[in-house]
N, C-alpha and C. Protein backbone atom coordinates (compact mmCIF):
# COMPACT_ATOMS: atom_id res chain seq x y z
N MET A 1 -38.75 30.70 -25.37
CA MET A 1 -38.78 29.56 -25.10
C MET A 1 -37.92 28.46 -25.25
N ILE A 2 -37.56 28.59 -26.62
CA ILE A 2 -36.55 27.54 -27.07
C ILE A 2 -35.08 27.80 -26.78
N GLU A 3 -34.92 28.94 -26.49
CA GLU A 3 -33.63 29.51 -25.97
C GLU A 3 -33.44 29.06 -24.36
N VAL A 4 -34.51 29.17 -23.68
CA VAL A 4 -34.48 28.77 -22.38
C VAL A 4 -34.23 27.07 -22.28
N VAL A 5 -34.94 26.52 -23.07
CA VAL A 5 -34.56 24.97 -23.06
C VAL A 5 -33.12 24.63 -23.42
N ILE A 6 -32.85 25.33 -24.41
CA ILE A 6 -31.51 25.02 -24.95
C ILE A 6 -30.43 25.45 -23.88
N ALA A 7 -30.64 26.60 -23.07
CA ALA A 7 -29.79 26.91 -22.15
C ALA A 7 -29.76 26.09 -21.00
N THR A 8 -30.93 25.65 -20.47
CA THR A 8 -31.09 24.62 -19.44
C THR A 8 -30.45 23.41 -19.77
N ALA A 9 -30.45 22.74 -21.17
CA ALA A 9 -29.81 21.48 -21.29
C ALA A 9 -28.34 21.81 -21.41
N LEU A 10 -27.84 22.80 -21.83
CA LEU A 10 -26.47 23.01 -21.72
C LEU A 10 -26.02 23.03 -20.41
N ALA A 11 -26.69 23.81 -19.51
CA ALA A 11 -26.26 24.00 -18.22
C ALA A 11 -26.17 22.63 -17.56
N GLY A 12 -27.09 21.60 -17.77
CA GLY A 12 -27.32 20.24 -17.40
C GLY A 12 -26.05 19.55 -17.54
N VAL A 13 -25.67 19.37 -19.25
CA VAL A 13 -24.62 18.87 -19.48
C VAL A 13 -23.41 19.31 -18.77
N ALA A 14 -23.05 20.65 -18.78
CA ALA A 14 -21.93 21.17 -18.04
C ALA A 14 -21.96 20.61 -16.35
N ALA A 15 -23.09 20.63 -16.01
CA ALA A 15 -23.11 20.15 -14.40
C ALA A 15 -22.76 18.63 -14.33
N LEU A 16 -23.29 17.96 -15.22
CA LEU A 16 -22.80 16.42 -15.31
C LEU A 16 -21.28 16.15 -15.77
N ALA A 17 -20.70 17.15 -16.65
CA ALA A 17 -19.34 17.05 -16.70
C ALA A 17 -18.78 17.28 -15.43
N LEU A 18 -18.77 18.41 -14.89
CA LEU A 18 -18.23 18.91 -13.78
C LEU A 18 -18.25 17.84 -12.45
N TYR A 19 -19.49 17.31 -12.38
CA TYR A 19 -19.91 16.06 -11.33
C TYR A 19 -18.75 15.06 -11.72
N GLY A 20 -18.71 14.70 -12.99
CA GLY A 20 -17.62 13.49 -13.28
C GLY A 20 -16.33 13.61 -13.02
N ALA A 21 -15.88 15.10 -13.03
CA ALA A 21 -14.80 15.51 -12.71
C ALA A 21 -14.47 15.71 -11.30
N ILE A 22 -15.33 15.92 -10.50
CA ILE A 22 -15.35 16.14 -9.16
C ILE A 22 -15.15 14.61 -8.31
N GLN A 23 -15.93 13.84 -8.94
CA GLN A 23 -16.09 12.62 -8.38
C GLN A 23 -14.70 11.78 -8.65
N MET A 24 -14.18 11.89 -9.86
CA MET A 24 -12.97 11.44 -10.14
C MET A 24 -11.83 11.90 -9.30
N GLY A 25 -11.68 13.31 -9.11
CA GLY A 25 -10.75 13.95 -8.30
C GLY A 25 -10.83 13.31 -6.65
N TYR A 26 -12.14 13.22 -6.33
CA TYR A 26 -12.30 12.49 -4.98
C TYR A 26 -11.70 11.12 -4.95
N PHE A 27 -12.04 10.33 -5.94
CA PHE A 27 -11.38 8.80 -5.66
C PHE A 27 -9.79 8.93 -5.85
N MET A 28 -9.23 10.08 -6.51
CA MET A 28 -7.73 10.15 -6.65
C MET A 28 -7.30 10.45 -5.40
N ILE A 29 -7.84 11.45 -4.60
CA ILE A 29 -7.39 11.93 -3.30
C ILE A 29 -7.68 11.01 -2.21
N VAL A 30 -8.68 10.05 -2.37
CA VAL A 30 -8.72 8.95 -1.33
C VAL A 30 -7.69 8.07 -1.64
N SER A 31 -7.49 7.51 -2.97
CA SER A 31 -6.36 6.53 -3.32
C SER A 31 -5.05 7.21 -2.78
N ALA A 32 -4.64 8.53 -3.05
CA ALA A 32 -3.53 8.93 -2.56
C ALA A 32 -3.33 8.72 -1.15
N GLN A 33 -4.23 9.28 -0.58
CA GLN A 33 -4.17 8.99 1.19
C GLN A 33 -4.04 7.67 1.61
N GLN A 34 -4.69 6.75 0.95
CA GLN A 34 -4.47 5.33 1.24
C GLN A 34 -3.00 4.75 0.99
N ARG A 35 -2.57 5.20 -0.20
CA ARG A 35 -1.41 4.73 -0.81
C ARG A 35 -0.32 5.41 0.26
N LEU A 36 -0.33 6.55 0.83
CA LEU A 36 0.50 7.31 1.74
C LEU A 36 0.71 6.52 3.07
N ASP A 37 -0.57 6.28 3.45
CA ASP A 37 -0.71 5.41 4.61
C ASP A 37 -0.21 4.21 4.36
N ALA A 38 -0.45 3.43 3.44
CA ALA A 38 0.30 2.06 3.24
C ALA A 38 1.96 2.11 3.22
N GLN A 39 2.42 3.35 2.67
CA GLN A 39 3.69 3.21 2.54
C GLN A 39 4.39 3.55 3.80
N SER A 40 3.75 4.25 4.64
CA SER A 40 4.22 4.61 6.12
C SER A 40 3.85 3.23 6.97
N LEU A 41 2.89 2.51 6.85
CA LEU A 41 2.74 1.43 7.50
C LEU A 41 3.93 0.41 7.33
N ALA A 42 4.39 0.37 5.93
CA ALA A 42 5.10 -0.60 5.22
C ALA A 42 6.65 -0.20 5.97
N PHE A 43 6.86 1.02 6.06
CA PHE A 43 8.07 1.34 6.42
C PHE A 43 8.33 1.14 7.86
N ASP A 44 6.97 1.52 8.63
CA ASP A 44 7.16 1.19 10.21
C ASP A 44 7.45 -0.42 10.41
N LYS A 45 6.83 -1.25 9.69
CA LYS A 45 6.85 -2.65 9.72
C LYS A 45 8.35 -3.01 9.67
N ALA A 46 8.81 -2.49 8.41
CA ALA A 46 10.17 -2.83 7.90
C ALA A 46 11.27 -2.42 9.15
N LEU A 47 11.18 -1.43 9.77
CA LEU A 47 11.93 -0.90 10.79
C LEU A 47 11.63 -1.86 12.02
N GLU A 48 10.32 -1.98 12.41
CA GLU A 48 10.22 -2.99 13.48
C GLU A 48 10.89 -4.34 13.36
N ILE A 49 10.73 -4.91 12.26
CA ILE A 49 11.31 -6.35 11.78
C ILE A 49 12.91 -6.07 11.99
N PHE A 50 13.29 -5.11 11.34
CA PHE A 50 14.86 -4.75 11.23
C PHE A 50 15.44 -4.60 12.67
N ASN A 51 14.76 -4.14 13.74
CA ASN A 51 15.28 -3.93 14.99
C ASN A 51 14.87 -4.96 16.05
N THR A 52 13.90 -5.73 15.88
CA THR A 52 13.47 -6.79 16.86
C THR A 52 13.35 -8.19 16.35
N TYR A 53 13.71 -8.53 15.20
CA TYR A 53 13.65 -10.03 14.77
C TYR A 53 14.90 -10.65 14.86
N THR A 54 14.94 -11.76 15.19
CA THR A 54 16.20 -12.72 15.35
C THR A 54 16.45 -13.11 14.07
N PHE A 55 17.43 -12.64 13.25
CA PHE A 55 17.82 -12.85 11.66
C PHE A 55 18.48 -14.26 11.77
N GLU A 56 19.52 -14.64 12.75
CA GLU A 56 20.29 -15.65 12.60
C GLU A 56 19.69 -16.94 12.22
N THR A 57 18.25 -16.98 12.66
CA THR A 57 17.57 -18.44 12.42
C THR A 57 17.20 -18.39 10.84
N VAL A 58 17.30 -17.29 10.23
CA VAL A 58 16.56 -17.36 8.84
C VAL A 58 17.87 -17.54 7.69
N THR A 59 17.90 -18.84 7.27
CA THR A 59 18.72 -19.25 6.27
C THR A 59 18.19 -19.59 4.99
N MET A 60 16.92 -19.38 4.76
CA MET A 60 16.26 -19.67 3.50
C MET A 60 15.05 -18.43 3.46
N ALA A 61 14.50 -18.05 2.21
CA ALA A 61 13.41 -17.16 2.00
C ALA A 61 12.47 -17.63 3.06
N THR A 62 11.88 -16.49 3.71
CA THR A 62 10.79 -16.86 4.93
C THR A 62 9.65 -15.73 4.59
N ASN A 63 8.51 -16.23 4.65
CA ASN A 63 7.27 -15.44 4.70
C ASN A 63 6.66 -15.47 6.06
N LEU A 64 6.41 -14.33 6.81
CA LEU A 64 5.92 -14.19 8.16
C LEU A 64 4.28 -14.14 7.78
N PRO A 65 3.71 -14.51 8.89
CA PRO A 65 2.17 -14.61 8.84
C PRO A 65 1.73 -13.18 8.29
N PRO A 66 0.52 -12.81 7.58
CA PRO A 66 -0.10 -11.68 7.27
C PRO A 66 -0.40 -11.02 8.25
N ILE A 67 -0.25 -9.69 8.28
CA ILE A 67 -0.62 -8.55 9.42
C ILE A 67 -1.99 -7.86 8.89
N THR A 68 -3.07 -7.84 9.95
CA THR A 68 -3.99 -6.86 9.37
C THR A 68 -3.63 -5.61 9.88
N VAL A 69 -4.25 -4.66 9.31
CA VAL A 69 -3.88 -3.29 9.63
C VAL A 69 -4.84 -2.71 10.65
N SER A 70 -4.29 -1.70 11.38
CA SER A 70 -5.00 -1.14 12.70
C SER A 70 -6.45 -0.42 12.17
N THR A 71 -7.60 -0.58 12.75
CA THR A 71 -8.73 0.13 12.41
C THR A 71 -8.51 1.91 12.39
N ASN A 72 -7.59 2.21 13.03
CA ASN A 72 -7.23 3.70 12.79
C ASN A 72 -6.74 4.19 11.39
N SER A 73 -6.30 3.30 10.83
CA SER A 73 -5.75 3.47 9.33
C SER A 73 -6.87 3.89 8.44
N VAL A 74 -6.37 4.40 7.29
CA VAL A 74 -7.54 4.90 6.17
C VAL A 74 -7.65 3.84 5.17
N LEU A 75 -6.74 2.90 5.29
CA LEU A 75 -6.96 1.49 4.34
C LEU A 75 -8.05 0.96 4.76
N PRO A 76 -8.65 0.22 3.75
CA PRO A 76 -9.80 -0.50 3.91
C PRO A 76 -9.50 -1.63 4.96
N PRO A 77 -10.37 -2.32 5.76
CA PRO A 77 -10.38 -3.10 6.75
C PRO A 77 -9.88 -4.43 6.33
N ASN A 78 -10.01 -4.80 5.18
CA ASN A 78 -9.59 -6.06 4.80
C ASN A 78 -8.36 -6.00 4.27
N SER A 79 -7.47 -4.76 4.27
CA SER A 79 -5.91 -4.89 3.85
C SER A 79 -5.09 -5.52 4.91
N GLU A 80 -3.93 -6.14 4.28
CA GLU A 80 -2.88 -6.78 5.03
C GLU A 80 -1.44 -6.10 4.65
N LEU A 81 -0.44 -6.77 5.66
CA LEU A 81 0.88 -6.32 5.41
C LEU A 81 1.41 -7.86 5.20
N TRP A 82 2.37 -8.05 4.50
CA TRP A 82 3.09 -9.40 4.10
C TRP A 82 4.42 -8.94 4.33
N VAL A 83 5.29 -9.75 5.25
CA VAL A 83 6.44 -9.65 5.26
C VAL A 83 7.35 -10.86 4.80
N ALA A 84 8.36 -10.53 4.11
CA ALA A 84 9.29 -11.73 3.54
C ALA A 84 10.61 -11.41 3.76
N LEU A 85 11.38 -12.19 4.36
CA LEU A 85 12.82 -12.22 4.48
C LEU A 85 13.61 -13.02 3.61
N TYR A 86 14.60 -12.47 2.86
CA TYR A 86 15.37 -13.05 1.81
C TYR A 86 16.86 -13.09 2.42
N PRO A 87 17.42 -14.21 2.83
CA PRO A 87 18.93 -14.15 3.14
C PRO A 87 19.95 -14.07 1.86
N ASN A 88 20.93 -13.51 1.95
CA ASN A 88 21.92 -13.45 1.03
C ASN A 88 22.99 -14.15 1.40
N VAL A 89 23.38 -15.45 0.81
CA VAL A 89 24.50 -16.21 1.32
C VAL A 89 25.56 -16.24 0.62
N SER A 90 26.78 -15.88 1.19
CA SER A 90 27.90 -16.03 0.24
C SER A 90 28.71 -17.36 0.48
N THR A 91 28.70 -17.83 1.60
CA THR A 91 29.32 -19.07 2.21
C THR A 91 28.22 -19.88 2.72
N SER A 92 28.43 -20.04 4.15
CA SER A 92 27.54 -20.85 4.84
C SER A 92 26.42 -20.09 5.62
N ALA A 93 26.87 -18.90 5.99
CA ALA A 93 26.02 -17.99 6.72
C ALA A 93 25.49 -17.03 6.04
N PRO A 94 24.32 -16.47 6.07
CA PRO A 94 23.89 -15.02 5.30
C PRO A 94 24.59 -14.02 5.83
N TYR A 95 25.05 -13.11 4.88
CA TYR A 95 25.95 -11.95 5.24
C TYR A 95 25.07 -10.65 5.27
N LYS A 96 23.68 -10.85 4.73
CA LYS A 96 22.67 -9.69 5.00
C LYS A 96 21.20 -10.51 4.71
N TRP A 97 20.44 -9.92 4.93
CA TRP A 97 19.01 -10.01 4.83
C TRP A 97 18.11 -9.00 4.17
N ASP A 98 17.34 -9.26 3.00
CA ASP A 98 16.42 -8.06 2.71
C ASP A 98 15.15 -8.54 3.28
N ILE A 99 14.76 -7.40 3.90
CA ILE A 99 13.23 -7.39 4.56
C ILE A 99 12.33 -6.77 3.49
N GLU A 100 11.36 -7.39 2.98
CA GLU A 100 10.43 -6.81 2.26
C GLU A 100 8.85 -6.97 2.54
N VAL A 101 8.41 -5.53 2.65
CA VAL A 101 6.99 -5.47 3.30
C VAL A 101 6.12 -5.16 2.11
N ARG A 102 5.16 -5.71 1.99
CA ARG A 102 4.03 -5.51 0.73
C ARG A 102 2.84 -5.21 1.49
N VAL A 103 2.00 -4.38 1.00
CA VAL A 103 0.65 -4.04 1.38
C VAL A 103 -0.33 -4.39 0.26
N LYS A 104 -1.34 -4.90 0.80
CA LYS A 104 -2.45 -5.67 -0.05
C LYS A 104 -3.39 -4.92 0.42
N ARG A 105 -4.30 -4.16 -0.43
CA ARG A 105 -5.36 -3.31 -0.03
C ARG A 105 -6.32 -3.40 -1.17
N THR A 106 -7.59 -3.13 -1.06
CA THR A 106 -8.65 -3.17 -1.96
C THR A 106 -8.93 -1.48 -2.40
N ARG A 107 -9.19 -1.36 -3.49
CA ARG A 107 -9.62 0.06 -3.68
C ARG A 107 -10.66 0.39 -4.52
N ASN A 108 -11.46 1.21 -4.24
CA ASN A 108 -12.68 1.63 -4.99
C ASN A 108 -12.12 2.85 -6.06
N TRP A 109 -12.54 2.14 -7.19
CA TRP A 109 -12.31 3.41 -8.32
C TRP A 109 -13.45 3.33 -9.45
N MET A 110 -14.02 4.65 -9.28
CA MET A 110 -15.31 4.90 -10.03
C MET A 110 -16.31 3.92 -9.95
N GLY A 111 -16.53 3.31 -8.49
CA GLY A 111 -17.77 2.65 -8.20
C GLY A 111 -17.30 0.94 -8.34
N ARG A 112 -15.97 0.87 -8.87
CA ARG A 112 -15.64 -0.71 -8.85
C ARG A 112 -14.59 -1.01 -7.83
N THR A 113 -14.57 -2.03 -7.31
CA THR A 113 -13.61 -2.71 -6.45
C THR A 113 -12.42 -3.18 -7.18
N THR A 114 -11.08 -2.94 -6.71
CA THR A 114 -10.07 -3.73 -7.51
C THR A 114 -9.13 -4.20 -6.11
N ILE A 115 -8.36 -5.09 -6.45
CA ILE A 115 -7.47 -5.78 -5.45
C ILE A 115 -6.23 -5.75 -5.80
N LEU A 116 -5.22 -4.95 -5.21
CA LEU A 116 -3.92 -4.78 -5.48
C LEU A 116 -3.08 -5.48 -4.85
N THR A 117 -2.61 -6.64 -5.17
CA THR A 117 -1.79 -7.50 -4.41
C THR A 117 -0.58 -6.90 -3.90
N ASN A 118 0.24 -6.09 -4.73
CA ASN A 118 1.68 -5.61 -4.61
C ASN A 118 1.54 -4.03 -4.75
N ASP A 119 0.52 -3.51 -3.98
CA ASP A 119 0.33 -1.95 -4.34
C ASP A 119 1.43 -1.21 -3.72
N VAL A 120 1.97 -1.38 -2.70
CA VAL A 120 3.16 -0.81 -2.06
C VAL A 120 4.16 -1.85 -1.62
N ARG A 121 5.30 -1.79 -2.02
CA ARG A 121 6.26 -2.66 -1.58
C ARG A 121 7.53 -1.98 -1.05
N PHE A 122 8.07 -2.24 0.06
CA PHE A 122 9.06 -1.52 0.66
C PHE A 122 10.36 -2.35 1.21
N THR A 123 11.38 -2.18 0.64
CA THR A 123 12.44 -3.04 1.09
C THR A 123 13.75 -2.58 1.62
N LEU A 124 14.27 -3.27 2.49
CA LEU A 124 15.21 -2.73 3.30
C LEU A 124 16.20 -3.73 3.81
N SER A 125 17.55 -3.65 3.72
CA SER A 125 18.75 -4.53 4.01
C SER A 125 18.97 -4.54 5.42
N ARG A 126 19.35 -5.63 6.11
CA ARG A 126 20.00 -5.76 7.34
C ARG A 126 21.31 -6.69 7.12
N TYR A 127 22.40 -6.08 7.52
CA TYR A 127 23.76 -6.93 7.32
C TYR A 127 24.11 -7.55 8.69
N ALA A 128 24.95 -8.48 8.81
CA ALA A 128 25.10 -9.31 9.75
C ALA A 128 26.69 -8.81 10.09
N VAL A 129 26.42 -7.87 10.97
CA VAL A 129 27.40 -7.16 11.66
C VAL A 129 27.15 -7.07 13.37
N GLY A 130 28.39 -6.72 13.89
CA GLY A 130 27.90 -7.00 15.51
C GLY A 130 26.99 -5.71 15.96
N ARG A 131 26.01 -5.76 16.57
CA ARG A 131 25.19 -4.60 17.10
C ARG A 131 25.13 -4.47 18.61
N ASN A 132 24.94 -3.29 18.90
CA ASN A 132 24.91 -3.26 20.58
C ASN A 132 23.53 -3.26 20.99
């Protein structure tokens, strides 16, 4: 009888340890999926700004209004994309602009929610050259 109780207790401890490892693995997988989605959104937004924004009007550092993410994203619904434009001025007019896209998202980690302000940051430079 004592052997059965000890074996059951050991099986219970092993099951609890295995459950904790599985739960941690799940949180890591969800976090990796969200980070990959955040990187993709940041890259897409940087290229969109690169191709469509009128940069000649930006002569000082500018923050564009935050953009909410699509409901189709795996990111939490309160996540935001922040876009900043930084002109590099050599004389009077900028010779290039740095486009920086940051993703702010909340993340659940082991039952707690954390806010990561600069979780993903993507930077791209656009030079002031003739474009077709």
